[in-house]
Amino acid sequence: MTYAELKEALYLFGFHENDLLTIKRIKQRHRSLVRKAHPDLHQHVDPAHIRHLNEAAKIIMEYVNSYRFSFSQQEFYQQIPEEHLKHQYSWDPIWAGQLEEKKE
């Protein structure tokens, strides 16, 4: 696989190279596109288009499955920003989700 092939596959799926994608989103888009191009459902569609979609899915998934993941704390907080905020402001009763007691 070349970078040009990867970009072409992303373009065919309607993605951009800077998009942050999940495997779930890639599979959902593939399923959606194949349904739209299925010759049993749409008579005017070229059956070769499904082959192109499947090849594009194969290229994208090959890239995703070979990606190396980092499990560092920094990467965790970049991936889940809500947890970063909780961690950063856990000392603050308002941000930590604790309500102030009512003053009488």
PDB file of N, CA and C in Angstrom:
ATOM      1  N   MET A   1       0.837  -1.168   0.000  1.00  0.00           N
ATOM      2  CA  MET A   1       0.000   0.000   0.000  1.00  0.00           C
ATOM      3  C   MET A   1       0.892   1.245   0.000  1.00  0.00           C
ATOM      4  N   THR A   2       0.493   2.225  -0.780  1.00  0.00           N
ATOM      5  CA  THR A   2       1.193   3.502  -0.801  1.00  0.00           C
ATOM      6  C   THR A   2       0.322   4.560  -0.135  1.00  0.00           C
ATOM      7  N   TYR A   3       0.920   5.694   0.176  1.00  0.00           N
ATOM      8  CA  TYR A   3       0.156   6.776   0.786  1.00  0.00           C
ATOM      9  C   TYR A   3      -0.906   7.285  -0.185  1.00  0.00           C
ATOM     10  N   ALA A   4      -0.581   7.314  -1.466  1.00  0.00           N
ATOM     11  CA  ALA A   4      -1.542   7.763  -2.473  1.00  0.00           C
ATOM     12  C   ALA A   4      -2.759   6.831  -2.500  1.00  0.00           C
ATOM     13  N   GLU A   5      -2.530   5.534  -2.368  1.00  0.00           N
ATOM     14  CA  GLU A   5      -3.640   4.577  -2.337  1.00  0.00           C
ATOM     15  C   GLU A   5      -4.505   4.783  -1.095  1.00  0.00           C
ATOM     16  N   LEU A   6      -3.851   5.050   0.035  1.00  0.00           N
ATOM     17  CA  LEU A   6      -4.588   5.300   1.270  1.00  0.00           C
ATOM     18  C   LEU A   6      -5.445   6.556   1.139  1.00  0.00           C
ATOM     19  N   LYS A   7      -4.876   7.634   0.596  1.00  0.00           N
ATOM     20  CA  LYS A   7      -5.631   8.869   0.409  1.00  0.00           C
ATOM     21  C   LYS A   7      -6.808   8.661  -0.538  1.00  0.00           C
ATOM     22  N   GLU A   8      -6.589   7.896  -1.592  1.00  0.00           N
ATOM     23  CA  GLU A   8      -7.662   7.616  -2.553  1.00  0.00           C
ATOM     24  C   GLU A   8      -8.784   6.812  -1.880  1.00  0.00           C
ATOM     25  N   ALA A   9      -8.414   5.847  -1.049  1.00  0.00           N
ATOM     26  CA  ALA A   9      -9.411   5.048  -0.340  1.00  0.00           C
ATOM     27  C   ALA A   9     -10.197   5.933   0.631  1.00  0.00           C
ATOM     28  N   LEU A  10      -9.520   6.818   1.340  1.00  0.00           N
ATOM     29  CA  LEU A  10     -10.204   7.731   2.251  1.00  0.00           C
ATOM     30  C   LEU A  10     -11.168   8.636   1.493  1.00  0.00           C
ATOM     31  N   TYR A  11     -10.713   9.137   0.340  1.00  0.00           N
ATOM     32  CA  TYR A  11     -11.544  10.012  -0.482  1.00  0.00           C
ATOM     33  C   TYR A  11     -12.796   9.270  -0.953  1.00  0.00           C
ATOM     34  N   LEU A  12     -12.640   8.012  -1.360  1.00  0.00           N
ATOM     35  CA  LEU A  12     -13.773   7.217  -1.821  1.00  0.00           C
ATOM     36  C   LEU A  12     -14.804   7.040  -0.704  1.00  0.00           C
ATOM     37  N   PHE A  13     -14.329   6.970   0.537  1.00  0.00           N
ATOM     38  CA  PHE A  13     -15.218   6.827   1.690  1.00  0.00           C
ATOM     39  C   PHE A  13     -15.742   8.177   2.179  1.00  0.00           C
ATOM     40  N   GLY A  14     -15.283   9.268   1.586  1.00  0.00           N
ATOM     41  CA  GLY A  14     -15.735  10.589   2.003  1.00  0.00           C
ATOM     42  C   GLY A  14     -15.007  11.119   3.220  1.00  0.00           C
ATOM     43  N   PHE A  15     -13.848  10.536   3.507  1.00  0.00           N
ATOM     44  CA  PHE A  15     -13.035  10.982   4.638  1.00  0.00           C
ATOM     45  C   PHE A  15     -11.896  11.846   4.139  1.00  0.00           C
ATOM     46  N   HIS A  16     -11.295  12.579   5.063  1.00  0.00           N
ATOM     47  CA  HIS A  16     -10.131  13.408   4.777  1.00  0.00           C
ATOM     48  C   HIS A  16      -8.961  12.849   5.570  1.00  0.00           C
ATOM     49  N   GLU A  17      -7.765  13.095   5.098  1.00  0.00           N
ATOM     50  CA  GLU A  17      -6.575  12.550   5.765  1.00  0.00           C
ATOM     51  C   GLU A  17      -6.404  13.051   7.194  1.00  0.00           C
ATOM     52  N   ASN A  18      -6.985  14.181   7.532  1.00  0.00           N
ATOM     53  CA  ASN A  18      -6.855  14.728   8.887  1.00  0.00           C
ATOM     54  C   ASN A  18      -8.004  14.329   9.803  1.00  0.00           C
ATOM     55  N   ASP A  19      -8.968  13.570   9.292  1.00  0.00           N
ATOM     56  CA  ASP A  19     -10.079  13.122  10.122  1.00  0.00           C
ATOM     57  C   ASP A  19      -9.583  12.147  11.186  1.00  0.00           C
ATOM     58  N   LEU A  20     -10.156  12.251  12.371  1.00  0.00           N
ATOM     59  CA  LEU A  20      -9.879  11.277  13.426  1.00  0.00           C
ATOM     60  C   LEU A  20     -10.991  10.238  13.359  1.00  0.00           C
ATOM     61  N   LEU A  21     -10.639   9.031  12.965  1.00  0.00           N
ATOM     62  CA  LEU A  21     -11.631   7.989  12.710  1.00  0.00           C
ATOM     63  C   LEU A  21     -11.510   6.857  13.705  1.00  0.00           C
ATOM     64  N   THR A  22     -12.622   6.205  13.920  1.00  0.00           N
ATOM     65  CA  THR A  22     -12.629   4.979  14.710  1.00  0.00           C
ATOM     66  C   THR A  22     -12.910   3.817  13.754  1.00  0.00           C
ATOM     67  N   ILE A  23     -12.566   2.626  14.184  1.00  0.00           N
ATOM     68  CA  ILE A  23     -12.854   1.453  13.367  1.00  0.00           C
ATOM     69  C   ILE A  23     -14.362   1.328  13.178  1.00  0.00           C
ATOM     70  N   LYS A  24     -15.108   1.624  14.208  1.00  0.00           N
ATOM     71  CA  LYS A  24     -16.564   1.563  14.129  1.00  0.00           C
ATOM     72  C   LYS A  24     -17.091   2.496  13.041  1.00  0.00           C
ATOM     73  N   ARG A  25     -16.582   3.707  12.990  1.00  0.00           N
ATOM     74  CA  ARG A  25     -17.038   4.683  11.984  1.00  0.00           C
ATOM     75  C   ARG A  25     -16.654   4.233  10.577  1.00  0.00           C
ATOM     76  N   ILE A  26     -15.471   3.673  10.415  1.00  0.00           N
ATOM     77  CA  ILE A  26     -15.036   3.184   9.102  1.00  0.00           C
ATOM     78  C   ILE A  26     -15.956   2.062   8.639  1.00  0.00           C
ATOM     79  N   LYS A  27     -16.252   1.119   9.530  1.00  0.00           N
ATOM     80  CA  LYS A  27     -17.127  -0.001   9.170  1.00  0.00           C
ATOM     81  C   LYS A  27     -18.544   0.469   8.864  1.00  0.00           C
ATOM     82  N   GLN A  28     -19.046   1.440   9.614  1.00  0.00           N
ATOM     83  CA  GLN A  28     -20.380   1.976   9.352  1.00  0.00           C
ATOM     84  C   GLN A  28     -20.445   2.636   7.975  1.00  0.00           C
ATOM     85  N   ARG A  29     -19.418   3.412   7.641  1.00  0.00           N
ATOM     86  CA  ARG A  29     -19.400   4.077   6.340  1.00  0.00           C
ATOM     87  C   ARG A  29     -19.311   3.048   5.213  1.00  0.00           C
ATOM     88  N   HIS A  30     -18.490   2.016   5.402  1.00  0.00           N
ATOM     89  CA  HIS A  30     -18.366   0.965   4.385  1.00  0.00           C
ATOM     90  C   HIS A  30     -19.722   0.301   4.163  1.00  0.00           C
ATOM     91  N   ARG A  31     -20.390  -0.071   5.241  1.00  0.00           N
ATOM     92  CA  ARG A  31     -21.699  -0.720   5.136  1.00  0.00           C
ATOM     93  C   ARG A  31     -22.702   0.183   4.425  1.00  0.00           C
ATOM     94  N   SER A  32     -22.696   1.454   4.778  1.00  0.00           N
ATOM     95  CA  SER A  32     -23.616   2.411   4.169  1.00  0.00           C
ATOM     96  C   SER A  32     -23.356   2.567   2.670  1.00  0.00           C
ATOM     97  N   LEU A  33     -22.097   2.692   2.296  1.00  0.00           N
ATOM     98  CA  LEU A  33     -21.751   2.864   0.884  1.00  0.00           C
ATOM     99  C   LEU A  33     -22.058   1.620   0.070  1.00  0.00           C
ATOM    100  N   VAL A  34     -21.806   0.446   0.629  1.00  0.00           N
ATOM    101  CA  VAL A  34     -22.101  -0.798  -0.091  1.00  0.00           C
ATOM    102  C   VAL A  34     -23.604  -0.946  -0.301  1.00  0.00           C
ATOM    103  N   ARG A  35     -24.395  -0.582   0.698  1.00  0.00           N
ATOM    104  CA  ARG A  35     -25.849  -0.643   0.530  1.00  0.00           C
ATOM    105  C   ARG A  35     -26.320   0.263  -0.600  1.00  0.00           C
ATOM    106  N   LYS A  36     -25.732   1.457  -0.664  1.00  0.00           N
ATOM    107  CA  LYS A  36     -26.125   2.399  -1.719  1.00  0.00           C
ATOM    108  C   LYS A  36     -25.701   1.914  -3.104  1.00  0.00           C
ATOM    109  N   ALA A  37     -24.663   1.091  -3.158  1.00  0.00           N
ATOM    110  CA  ALA A  37     -24.129   0.651  -4.448  1.00  0.00           C
ATOM    111  C   ALA A  37     -24.490  -0.795  -4.776  1.00  0.00           C
ATOM    112  N   HIS A  38     -25.326  -1.408  -3.980  1.00  0.00           N
ATOM    113  CA  HIS A  38     -25.631  -2.820  -4.201  1.00  0.00           C
ATOM    114  C   HIS A  38     -26.540  -2.988  -5.424  1.00  0.00           C
ATOM    115  N   PRO A  39     -26.136  -3.829  -6.385  1.00  0.00           N
ATOM    116  CA  PRO A  39     -26.916  -3.979  -7.622  1.00  0.00           C
ATOM    117  C   PRO A  39     -28.293  -4.614  -7.402  1.00  0.00           C
ATOM    118  N   ASP A  40     -28.483  -5.373  -6.341  1.00  0.00           N
ATOM    119  CA  ASP A  40     -29.802  -5.951  -6.077  1.00  0.00           C
ATOM    120  C   ASP A  40     -30.810  -4.890  -5.633  1.00  0.00           C
ATOM    121  N   LEU A  41     -30.316  -3.826  -5.038  1.00  0.00           N
ATOM    122  CA  LEU A  41     -31.194  -2.755  -4.561  1.00  0.00           C
ATOM    123  C   LEU A  41     -31.329  -1.613  -5.555  1.00  0.00           C
ATOM    124  N   HIS A  42     -30.292  -1.404  -6.342  1.00  0.00           N
ATOM    125  CA  HIS A  42     -30.269  -0.289  -7.297  1.00  0.00           C
ATOM    126  C   HIS A  42     -29.787  -0.820  -8.650  1.00  0.00           C
ATOM    127  N   GLN A  43     -30.669  -0.848  -9.616  1.00  0.00           N
ATOM    128  CA  GLN A  43     -30.360  -1.443 -10.913  1.00  0.00           C
ATOM    129  C   GLN A  43     -29.347  -0.626 -11.723  1.00  0.00           C
ATOM    130  N   HIS A  44     -29.287   0.668 -11.510  1.00  0.00           N
ATOM    131  CA  HIS A  44     -28.434   1.545 -12.310  1.00  0.00           C
ATOM    132  C   HIS A  44     -26.983   1.612 -11.832  1.00  0.00           C
ATOM    133  N   VAL A  45     -26.639   0.895 -10.781  1.00  0.00           N
ATOM    134  CA  VAL A  45     -25.303   0.978 -10.187  1.00  0.00           C
ATOM    135  C   VAL A  45     -24.380  -0.055 -10.828  1.00  0.00           C
ATOM    136  N   ASP A  46     -23.145   0.354 -11.078  1.00  0.00           N
ATOM    137  CA  ASP A  46     -22.130  -0.537 -11.640  1.00  0.00           C
ATOM    138  C   ASP A  46     -21.622  -1.480 -10.551  1.00  0.00           C
ATOM    139  N   PRO A  47     -21.693  -2.803 -10.771  1.00  0.00           N
ATOM    140  CA  PRO A  47     -21.215  -3.757  -9.759  1.00  0.00           C
ATOM    141  C   PRO A  47     -19.719  -3.600  -9.444  1.00  0.00           C
ATOM    142  N   ALA A  48     -18.968  -3.047 -10.347  1.00  0.00           N
ATOM    143  CA  ALA A  48     -17.541  -2.828 -10.099  1.00  0.00           C
ATOM    144  C   ALA A  48     -17.325  -1.808  -8.986  1.00  0.00           C
ATOM    145  N   HIS A  49     -18.311  -0.958  -8.767  1.00  0.00           N
ATOM    146  CA  HIS A  49     -18.181   0.057  -7.716  1.00  0.00           C
ATOM    147  C   HIS A  49     -18.054  -0.604  -6.337  1.00  0.00           C
ATOM    148  N   ILE A  50     -18.797  -1.692  -6.113  1.00  0.00           N
ATOM    149  CA  ILE A  50     -18.685  -2.410  -4.841  1.00  0.00           C
ATOM    150  C   ILE A  50     -17.290  -2.988  -4.681  1.00  0.00           C
ATOM    151  N   ARG A  51     -16.713  -3.477  -5.752  1.00  0.00           N
ATOM    152  CA  ARG A  51     -15.334  -3.997  -5.673  1.00  0.00           C
ATOM    153  C   ARG A  51     -14.364  -2.899  -5.286  1.00  0.00           C
ATOM    154  N   HIS A  52     -14.564  -1.703  -5.833  1.00  0.00           N
ATOM    155  CA  HIS A  52     -13.704  -0.558  -5.474  1.00  0.00           C
ATOM    156  C   HIS A  52     -13.890  -0.190  -3.992  1.00  0.00           C
ATOM    157  N   LEU A  53     -15.132  -0.212  -3.530  1.00  0.00           N
ATOM    158  CA  LEU A  53     -15.396   0.096  -2.122  1.00  0.00           C
ATOM    159  C   LEU A  53     -14.749  -0.941  -1.201  1.00  0.00           C
ATOM    160  N   ASN A  54     -14.868  -2.207  -1.563  1.00  0.00           N
ATOM    161  CA  ASN A  54     -14.274  -3.266  -0.743  1.00  0.00           C
ATOM    162  C   ASN A  54     -12.753  -3.179  -0.729  1.00  0.00           C
ATOM    163  N   GLU A  55     -12.166  -2.836  -1.857  1.00  0.00           N
ATOM    164  CA  GLU A  55     -10.709  -2.678  -1.917  1.00  0.00           C
ATOM    165  C   GLU A  55     -10.275  -1.480  -1.066  1.00  0.00           C
ATOM    166  N   ALA A  56     -11.037  -0.399  -1.132  1.00  0.00           N
ATOM    167  CA  ALA A  56     -10.731   0.781  -0.309  1.00  0.00           C
ATOM    168  C   ALA A  56     -10.839   0.438   1.172  1.00  0.00           C
ATOM    169  N   ALA A  57     -11.876  -0.316   1.535  1.00  0.00           N
ATOM    170  CA  ALA A  57     -12.043  -0.729   2.933  1.00  0.00           C
ATOM    171  C   ALA A  57     -10.864  -1.588   3.369  1.00  0.00           C
ATOM    172  N   LYS A  58     -10.416  -2.459   2.495  1.00  0.00           N
ATOM    173  CA  LYS A  58      -9.279  -3.324   2.807  1.00  0.00           C
ATOM    174  C   LYS A  58      -8.021  -2.491   3.065  1.00  0.00           C
ATOM    175  N   ILE A  59      -7.793  -1.487   2.249  1.00  0.00           N
ATOM    176  CA  ILE A  59      -6.617  -0.624   2.397  1.00  0.00           C
ATOM    177  C   ILE A  59      -6.683   0.149   3.716  1.00  0.00           C
ATOM    178  N   ILE A  60      -7.845   0.749   3.997  1.00  0.00           N
ATOM    179  CA  ILE A  60      -7.992   1.530   5.227  1.00  0.00           C
ATOM    180  C   ILE A  60      -7.826   0.639   6.456  1.00  0.00           C
ATOM    181  N   MET A  61      -8.473  -0.518   6.449  1.00  0.00           N
ATOM    182  CA  MET A  61      -8.399  -1.410   7.599  1.00  0.00           C
ATOM    183  C   MET A  61      -6.992  -1.986   7.768  1.00  0.00           C
ATOM    184  N   GLU A  62      -6.305  -2.222   6.676  1.00  0.00           N
ATOM    185  CA  GLU A  62      -4.912  -2.688   6.764  1.00  0.00           C
ATOM    186  C   GLU A  62      -4.050  -1.645   7.470  1.00  0.00           C
ATOM    187  N   TYR A  63      -4.257  -0.383   7.121  1.00  0.00           N
ATOM    188  CA  TYR A  63      -3.516   0.694   7.768  1.00  0.00           C
ATOM    189  C   TYR A  63      -3.880   0.788   9.250  1.00  0.00           C
ATOM    190  N   VAL A  64      -5.174   0.762   9.549  1.00  0.00           N
ATOM    191  CA  VAL A  64      -5.640   0.894  10.926  1.00  0.00           C
ATOM    192  C   VAL A  64      -5.159  -0.283  11.783  1.00  0.00           C
ATOM    193  N   ASN A  65      -5.226  -1.476  11.240  1.00  0.00           N
ATOM    194  CA  ASN A  65      -4.829  -2.659  12.009  1.00  0.00           C
ATOM    195  C   ASN A  65      -3.324  -2.745  12.240  1.00  0.00           C
ATOM    196  N   SER A  66      -2.543  -2.030  11.439  1.00  0.00           N
ATOM    197  CA  SER A  66      -1.097  -2.039  11.645  1.00  0.00           C
ATOM    198  C   SER A  66      -0.622  -0.846  12.475  1.00  0.00           C
ATOM    199  N   TYR A  67      -1.560  -0.009  12.903  1.00  0.00           N
ATOM    200  CA  TYR A  67      -1.230   1.186  13.680  1.00  0.00           C
ATOM    201  C   TYR A  67      -0.768   0.772  15.073  1.00  0.00           C
ATOM    202  N   ARG A  68       0.255   1.431  15.557  1.00  0.00           N
ATOM    203  CA  ARG A  68       0.770   1.150  16.905  1.00  0.00           C
ATOM    204  C   ARG A  68       0.113   2.111  17.886  1.00  0.00           C
ATOM    205  N   PHE A  69      -0.400   1.562  18.961  1.00  0.00           N
ATOM    206  CA  PHE A  69      -1.109   2.365  19.955  1.00  0.00           C
ATOM    207  C   PHE A  69      -0.201   2.661  21.142  1.00  0.00           C
ATOM    208  N   SER A  70      -0.380   3.849  21.678  1.00  0.00           N
ATOM    209  CA  SER A  70       0.328   4.244  22.885  1.00  0.00           C
ATOM    210  C   SER A  70      -0.675   4.260  24.031  1.00  0.00           C
ATOM    211  N   PHE A  71      -0.287   3.686  25.147  1.00  0.00           N
ATOM    212  CA  PHE A  71      -1.153   3.658  26.311  1.00  0.00           C
ATOM    213  C   PHE A  71      -0.619   4.547  27.428  1.00  0.00           C
ATOM    214  N   SER A  72       0.135   5.546  27.058  1.00  0.00           N
ATOM    215  CA  SER A  72       0.674   6.465  28.052  1.00  0.00           C
ATOM    216  C   SER A  72      -0.446   7.341  28.608  1.00  0.00           C
ATOM    217  N   GLN A  73      -0.186   7.922  29.756  1.00  0.00           N
ATOM    218  CA  GLN A  73      -1.172   8.800  30.383  1.00  0.00           C
ATOM    219  C   GLN A  73      -1.466  10.000  29.488  1.00  0.00           C
ATOM    220  N   GLN A  74      -0.437  10.549  28.878  1.00  0.00           N
ATOM    221  CA  GLN A  74      -0.609  11.705  28.001  1.00  0.00           C
ATOM    222  C   GLN A  74      -1.522  11.353  26.820  1.00  0.00           C
ATOM    223  N   GLU A  75      -1.297  10.220  26.203  1.00  0.00           N
ATOM    224  CA  GLU A  75      -2.131   9.798  25.071  1.00  0.00           C
ATOM    225  C   GLU A  75      -3.565   9.527  25.533  1.00  0.00           C
ATOM    226  N   PHE A  76      -3.712   8.910  26.699  1.00  0.00           N
ATOM    227  CA  PHE A  76      -5.042   8.641  27.248  1.00  0.00           C
ATOM    228  C   PHE A  76      -5.837   9.938  27.382  1.00  0.00           C
ATOM    229  N   TYR A  77      -5.228  10.957  27.951  1.00  0.00           N
ATOM    230  CA  TYR A  77      -5.929  12.215  28.162  1.00  0.00           C
ATOM    231  C   TYR A  77      -6.172  12.970  26.851  1.00  0.00           C
ATOM    232  N   GLN A  78      -5.352  12.748  25.844  1.00  0.00           N
ATOM    233  CA  GLN A  78      -5.619  13.346  24.536  1.00  0.00           C
ATOM    234  C   GLN A  78      -6.813  12.666  23.875  1.00  0.00           C
ATOM    235  N   GLN A  79      -6.926  11.360  24.055  1.00  0.00           N
ATOM    236  CA  GLN A  79      -8.026  10.609  23.448  1.00  0.00           C
ATOM    237  C   GLN A  79      -9.354  10.834  24.166  1.00  0.00           C
ATOM    238  N   ILE A  80      -9.293  11.077  25.476  1.00  0.00           N
ATOM    239  CA  ILE A  80     -10.503  11.248  26.281  1.00  0.00           C
ATOM    240  C   ILE A  80     -10.383  12.560  27.060  1.00  0.00           C
ATOM    241  N   PRO A  81     -10.654  13.680  26.403  1.00  0.00           N
ATOM    242  CA  PRO A  81     -10.446  14.985  27.043  1.00  0.00           C
ATOM    243  C   PRO A  81     -11.302  15.219  28.284  1.00  0.00           C
ATOM    244  N   GLU A  82     -12.476  14.570  28.363  1.00  0.00           N
ATOM    245  CA  GLU A  82     -13.313  14.740  29.558  1.00  0.00           C
ATOM    246  C   GLU A  82     -12.585  14.228  30.799  1.00  0.00           C
ATOM    247  N   GLU A  83     -11.888  13.115  30.656  1.00  0.00           N
ATOM    248  CA  GLU A  83     -11.137  12.563  31.783  1.00  0.00           C
ATOM    249  C   GLU A  83      -9.972  13.474  32.164  1.00  0.00           C
ATOM    250  N   HIS A  84      -9.383  14.118  31.158  1.00  0.00           N
ATOM    251  CA  HIS A  84      -8.294  15.053  31.438  1.00  0.00           C
ATOM    252  C   HIS A  84      -8.807  16.205  32.297  1.00  0.00           C
ATOM    253  N   LEU A  85      -9.975  16.719  31.961  1.00  0.00           N
ATOM    254  CA  LEU A  85     -10.551  17.805  32.756  1.00  0.00           C
ATOM    255  C   LEU A  85     -10.872  17.347  34.172  1.00  0.00           C
ATOM    256  N   LYS A  86     -11.434  16.148  34.292  1.00  0.00           N
ATOM    257  CA  LYS A  86     -11.721  15.618  35.623  1.00  0.00           C
ATOM    258  C   LYS A  86     -10.443  15.478  36.440  1.00  0.00           C
ATOM    259  N   HIS A  87      -9.403  14.970  35.809  1.00  0.00           N
ATOM    260  CA  HIS A  87      -8.121  14.793  36.496  1.00  0.00           C
ATOM    261  C   HIS A  87      -7.516  16.146  36.869  1.00  0.00           C
ATOM    262  N   GLN A  88      -7.586  17.086  35.963  1.00  0.00           N
ATOM    263  CA  GLN A  88      -6.967  18.396  36.167  1.00  0.00           C
ATOM    264  C   GLN A  88      -7.665  19.188  37.276  1.00  0.00           C
ATOM    265  N   TYR A  89      -8.990  19.050  37.372  1.00  0.00           N
ATOM    266  CA  TYR A  89      -9.739  19.850  38.332  1.00  0.00           C
ATOM    267  C   TYR A  89     -10.402  19.002  39.416  1.00  0.00           C
ATOM    268  N   SER A  90      -9.877  17.826  39.692  1.00  0.00           N
ATOM    269  CA  SER A  90     -10.511  16.934  40.660  1.00  0.00           C
ATOM    270  C   SER A  90     -10.513  17.513  42.075  1.00  0.00           C
ATOM    271  N   TRP A  91      -9.629  18.430  42.366  1.00  0.00           N
ATOM    272  CA  TRP A  91      -9.565  19.041  43.692  1.00  0.00           C
ATOM    273  C   TRP A  91     -10.678  20.059  43.910  1.00  0.00           C
ATOM    274  N   ASP A  92     -11.254  20.574  42.829  1.00  0.00           N
ATOM    275  CA  ASP A  92     -12.262  21.623  42.901  1.00  0.00           C
ATOM    276  C   ASP A  92     -13.649  20.992  43.066  1.00  0.00           C
ATOM    277  N   PRO A  93     -14.389  21.304  44.141  1.00  0.00           N
ATOM    278  CA  PRO A  93     -15.691  20.674  44.377  1.00  0.00           C
ATOM    279  C   PRO A  93     -16.706  20.926  43.257  1.00  0.00           C
ATOM    280  N   ILE A  94     -16.644  22.057  42.628  1.00  0.00           N
ATOM    281  CA  ILE A  94     -17.596  22.361  41.546  1.00  0.00           C
ATOM    282  C   ILE A  94     -17.298  21.499  40.321  1.00  0.00           C
ATOM    283  N   TRP A  95     -16.049  21.439  39.909  1.00  0.00           N
ATOM    284  CA  TRP A  95     -15.665  20.674  38.726  1.00  0.00           C
ATOM    285  C   TRP A  95     -15.678  19.171  38.993  1.00  0.00           C
ATOM    286  N   ALA A  96     -15.491  18.776  40.221  1.00  0.00           N
ATOM    287  CA  ALA A  96     -15.450  17.347  40.541  1.00  0.00           C
ATOM    288  C   ALA A  96     -16.848  16.746  40.641  1.00  0.00           C
ATOM    289  N   GLY A  97     -17.881  17.570  40.490  1.00  0.00           N
ATOM    290  CA  GLY A  97     -19.231  17.053  40.493  1.00  0.00           C
ATOM    291  C   GLY A  97     -19.899  17.061  41.856  1.00  0.00           C
ATOM    292  N   GLN A  98     -19.285  17.696  42.841  1.00  0.00           N
ATOM    293  CA  GLN A  98     -19.891  17.778  44.171  1.00  0.00           C
ATOM    294  C   GLN A  98     -20.557  19.145  44.312  1.00  0.00           C
ATOM    295  N   LEU A  99     -21.743  19.132  44.803  1.00  0.00           N
ATOM    296  CA  LEU A  99     -22.484  20.384  44.976  1.00  0.00           C
ATOM    297  C   LEU A  99     -22.134  20.994  46.322  1.00  0.00           C
ATOM    298  N   GLU A 100     -22.143  22.312  46.355  1.00  0.00           N
ATOM    299  CA  GLU A 100     -21.906  23.002  47.612  1.00  0.00           C
ATOM    300  C   GLU A 100     -23.119  22.847  48.508  1.00  0.00           C
ATOM    301  N   GLU A 101     -22.884  22.777  49.804  1.00  0.00           N
ATOM    302  CA  GLU A 101     -23.997  22.705  50.743  1.00  0.00           C
ATOM    303  C   GLU A 101     -24.712  24.032  50.782  1.00  0.00           C
ATOM    304  N   LYS A 102     -26.014  23.965  50.946  1.00  0.00           N
ATOM    305  CA  LYS A 102     -26.801  25.217  51.010  1.00  0.00           C
ATOM    306  C   LYS A 102     -26.522  25.927  52.315  1.00  0.00           C
ATOM    307  N   LYS A 103     -26.334  27.230  52.235  1.00  0.00           N
ATOM    308  CA  LYS A 103     -26.118  28.061  53.419  1.00  0.00           C
ATOM    309  C   LYS A 103     -27.462  28.594  53.881  1.00  0.00           C
ATOM    310  N   GLU A 104     -27.745  28.469  55.177  1.00  0.00           N
ATOM    311  CA  GLU A 104     -29.024  28.949  55.697  1.00  0.00           C
ATOM    312  C   GLU A 104     -28.875  30.220  56.444  1.00  0.00           C
TER     313      GLU A 104
END
